[in-house]
Amino acid sequence: MKMIGVIGGISWESSTEYYRLLNRHAKARLGGHHNARSLLLTVDFALVEANQRAGDWVALGE
C-alpha cells in the first residue's frame, strides 16, 4: 500500500474528519483491521489567527 500525505485543516476538528474518512475508505476497500498508510500535517491556527489580527499578511504567506 502506498503512503498518502495529507495537509490537515485549519482546526484539529477538520483534520480529524479527513483522517476518519481516509481510514474508513481504506477499511471498506481492504477489509479487516486495515488503516490508510498516511502522514497528517496540521496547522496551529493560533499562529494564523494572531497574524490575521496583526494584519501581517507577509507572515501568513510564509
N, C-alpha and C. Protein backbone atom coordinates (compact mmCIF):
# COMPACT_ATOMS: atom_id res chain seq x y z
N MET A 1 0.85 -1.17 0.00
CA MET A 1 0.00 0.00 0.00
C MET A 1 0.90 1.24 0.00
N LYS A 2 0.57 2.22 -0.82
CA LYS A 2 1.32 3.47 -0.86
C LYS A 2 0.92 4.35 0.32
N MET A 3 1.83 5.28 0.65
CA MET A 3 1.54 6.23 1.72
C MET A 3 1.00 7.52 1.09
N ILE A 4 0.03 8.11 1.77
CA ILE A 4 -0.53 9.38 1.33
C ILE A 4 -0.16 10.44 2.35
N GLY A 5 0.21 11.62 1.87
CA GLY A 5 0.47 12.76 2.73
C GLY A 5 -0.73 13.69 2.69
N VAL A 6 -1.17 14.15 3.84
CA VAL A 6 -2.35 14.99 3.92
C VAL A 6 -2.00 16.25 4.72
N ILE A 7 -2.30 17.40 4.15
CA ILE A 7 -2.22 18.64 4.91
C ILE A 7 -3.60 18.84 5.51
N GLY A 8 -3.64 18.83 6.83
CA GLY A 8 -4.92 18.89 7.54
C GLY A 8 -5.59 20.24 7.40
N GLY A 9 -6.69 20.35 8.07
CA GLY A 9 -7.47 21.58 8.01
C GLY A 9 -6.91 22.66 8.92
N ILE A 10 -7.60 23.76 8.98
CA ILE A 10 -7.20 24.88 9.83
C ILE A 10 -7.40 24.54 11.30
N SER A 11 -8.29 23.65 11.61
CA SER A 11 -8.51 23.24 13.00
C SER A 11 -8.31 21.73 13.14
N TRP A 12 -8.09 21.28 14.37
CA TRP A 12 -7.93 19.84 14.58
C TRP A 12 -9.23 19.11 14.29
N GLU A 13 -10.37 19.80 14.45
CA GLU A 13 -11.65 19.15 14.18
C GLU A 13 -11.78 18.75 12.71
N SER A 14 -11.39 19.63 11.81
CA SER A 14 -11.48 19.29 10.38
C SER A 14 -10.42 18.26 10.01
N SER A 15 -9.24 18.33 10.63
CA SER A 15 -8.20 17.34 10.36
C SER A 15 -8.66 15.95 10.78
N THR A 16 -9.36 15.88 11.90
CA THR A 16 -9.90 14.61 12.37
C THR A 16 -10.85 14.01 11.35
N GLU A 17 -11.65 14.86 10.74
CA GLU A 17 -12.61 14.38 9.74
C GLU A 17 -11.88 13.81 8.52
N TYR A 18 -10.84 14.48 8.06
CA TYR A 18 -10.05 13.96 6.93
C TYR A 18 -9.47 12.59 7.28
N TYR A 19 -8.89 12.48 8.47
CA TYR A 19 -8.28 11.23 8.91
C TYR A 19 -9.31 10.11 9.00
N ARG A 20 -10.47 10.43 9.55
CA ARG A 20 -11.54 9.43 9.67
C ARG A 20 -11.99 8.94 8.31
N LEU A 21 -12.19 9.84 7.36
CA LEU A 21 -12.64 9.46 6.02
C LEU A 21 -11.61 8.60 5.30
N LEU A 22 -10.34 8.97 5.40
CA LEU A 22 -9.28 8.16 4.77
C LEU A 22 -9.29 6.73 5.30
N ASN A 23 -9.37 6.61 6.61
CA ASN A 23 -9.34 5.28 7.22
C ASN A 23 -10.62 4.48 6.98
N ARG A 24 -11.74 5.16 6.94
CA ARG A 24 -12.99 4.47 6.62
C ARG A 24 -12.93 3.90 5.19
N HIS A 25 -12.40 4.67 4.26
CA HIS A 25 -12.27 4.21 2.87
C HIS A 25 -11.31 3.03 2.78
N ALA A 26 -10.18 3.11 3.48
CA ALA A 26 -9.21 2.02 3.46
C ALA A 26 -9.82 0.74 4.00
N LYS A 27 -10.55 0.84 5.08
CA LYS A 27 -11.18 -0.34 5.69
C LYS A 27 -12.23 -0.93 4.76
N ALA A 28 -13.03 -0.05 4.12
CA ALA A 28 -14.06 -0.54 3.19
C ALA A 28 -13.42 -1.25 1.99
N ARG A 29 -12.30 -0.72 1.53
CA ARG A 29 -11.64 -1.29 0.34
C ARG A 29 -10.85 -2.54 0.67
N LEU A 30 -10.17 -2.55 1.84
CA LEU A 30 -9.25 -3.65 2.16
C LEU A 30 -9.80 -4.61 3.20
N GLY A 31 -10.78 -4.17 3.97
CA GLY A 31 -11.37 -5.03 4.99
C GLY A 31 -10.51 -5.19 6.22
N GLY A 32 -10.98 -6.02 7.11
CA GLY A 32 -10.23 -6.35 8.32
C GLY A 32 -9.89 -5.15 9.17
N HIS A 33 -8.65 -5.14 9.61
CA HIS A 33 -8.17 -4.08 10.51
C HIS A 33 -7.24 -3.10 9.79
N HIS A 34 -7.43 -2.97 8.48
CA HIS A 34 -6.57 -2.07 7.71
C HIS A 34 -6.87 -0.61 8.02
N ASN A 35 -5.81 0.18 7.98
CA ASN A 35 -5.89 1.64 8.07
C ASN A 35 -5.17 2.20 6.86
N ALA A 36 -5.47 3.46 6.53
CA ALA A 36 -4.74 4.15 5.48
C ALA A 36 -3.32 4.41 5.97
N ARG A 37 -2.35 4.12 5.13
CA ARG A 37 -0.97 4.45 5.47
C ARG A 37 -0.81 5.93 5.13
N SER A 38 -0.64 6.77 6.17
CA SER A 38 -0.70 8.21 5.92
C SER A 38 0.17 8.99 6.90
N LEU A 39 0.51 10.19 6.46
CA LEU A 39 1.14 11.20 7.29
C LEU A 39 0.21 12.41 7.27
N LEU A 40 -0.10 12.94 8.44
CA LEU A 40 -1.02 14.07 8.53
C LEU A 40 -0.30 15.24 9.17
N LEU A 41 -0.28 16.36 8.47
CA LEU A 41 0.31 17.59 8.99
C LEU A 41 -0.82 18.57 9.28
N THR A 42 -0.84 19.10 10.49
CA THR A 42 -1.86 20.08 10.84
C THR A 42 -1.21 21.44 11.10
N VAL A 43 -2.01 22.47 11.03
CA VAL A 43 -1.56 23.84 11.22
C VAL A 43 -2.03 24.33 12.58
N ASP A 44 -1.17 25.06 13.29
CA ASP A 44 -1.58 25.67 14.56
C ASP A 44 -2.35 26.94 14.24
N PHE A 45 -3.66 26.89 14.33
CA PHE A 45 -4.49 28.02 13.93
C PHE A 45 -4.24 29.26 14.76
N ALA A 46 -3.76 29.12 15.98
CA ALA A 46 -3.49 30.29 16.82
C ALA A 46 -2.47 31.21 16.14
N LEU A 47 -1.49 30.62 15.46
CA LEU A 47 -0.50 31.43 14.75
C LEU A 47 -1.12 32.15 13.56
N VAL A 48 -1.99 31.49 12.86
CA VAL A 48 -2.69 32.10 11.74
C VAL A 48 -3.56 33.26 12.24
N GLU A 49 -4.31 33.00 13.28
CA GLU A 49 -5.24 34.00 13.82
C GLU A 49 -4.48 35.23 14.32
N ALA A 50 -3.35 35.03 14.99
CA ALA A 50 -2.56 36.15 15.51
C ALA A 50 -2.05 37.02 14.36
N ASN A 51 -1.58 36.40 13.29
CA ASN A 51 -1.10 37.17 12.14
C ASN A 51 -2.25 37.89 11.43
N GLN A 52 -3.41 37.27 11.40
CA GLN A 52 -4.58 37.94 10.82
C GLN A 52 -4.92 39.20 11.61
N ARG A 53 -4.98 39.06 12.93
CA ARG A 53 -5.31 40.21 13.78
C ARG A 53 -4.30 41.34 13.63
N ALA A 54 -3.02 40.95 13.47
CA ALA A 54 -1.96 41.96 13.33
C ALA A 54 -1.90 42.53 11.92
N GLY A 55 -2.63 41.92 10.98
CA GLY A 55 -2.57 42.36 9.60
C GLY A 55 -1.25 42.02 8.93
N ASP A 56 -0.56 41.02 9.46
CA ASP A 56 0.75 40.62 8.94
C ASP A 56 0.57 39.57 7.84
N TRP A 57 0.21 40.04 6.65
CA TRP A 57 -0.09 39.14 5.53
C TRP A 57 1.16 38.48 4.98
N VAL A 58 2.31 39.14 5.14
CA VAL A 58 3.58 38.53 4.70
C VAL A 58 3.87 37.28 5.52
N ALA A 59 3.73 37.38 6.85
CA ALA A 59 3.97 36.22 7.71
C ALA A 59 2.98 35.10 7.40
N LEU A 60 1.75 35.45 7.10
CA LEU A 60 0.75 34.43 6.74
C LEU A 60 1.15 33.71 5.48
N GLY A 61 1.70 34.43 4.52
CA GLY A 61 2.11 33.82 3.25
C GLY A 61 3.30 32.89 3.41
N GLU A 62 4.12 33.16 4.42
CA GLU A 62 5.30 32.32 4.63
C GLU A 62 4.89 31.01 5.26
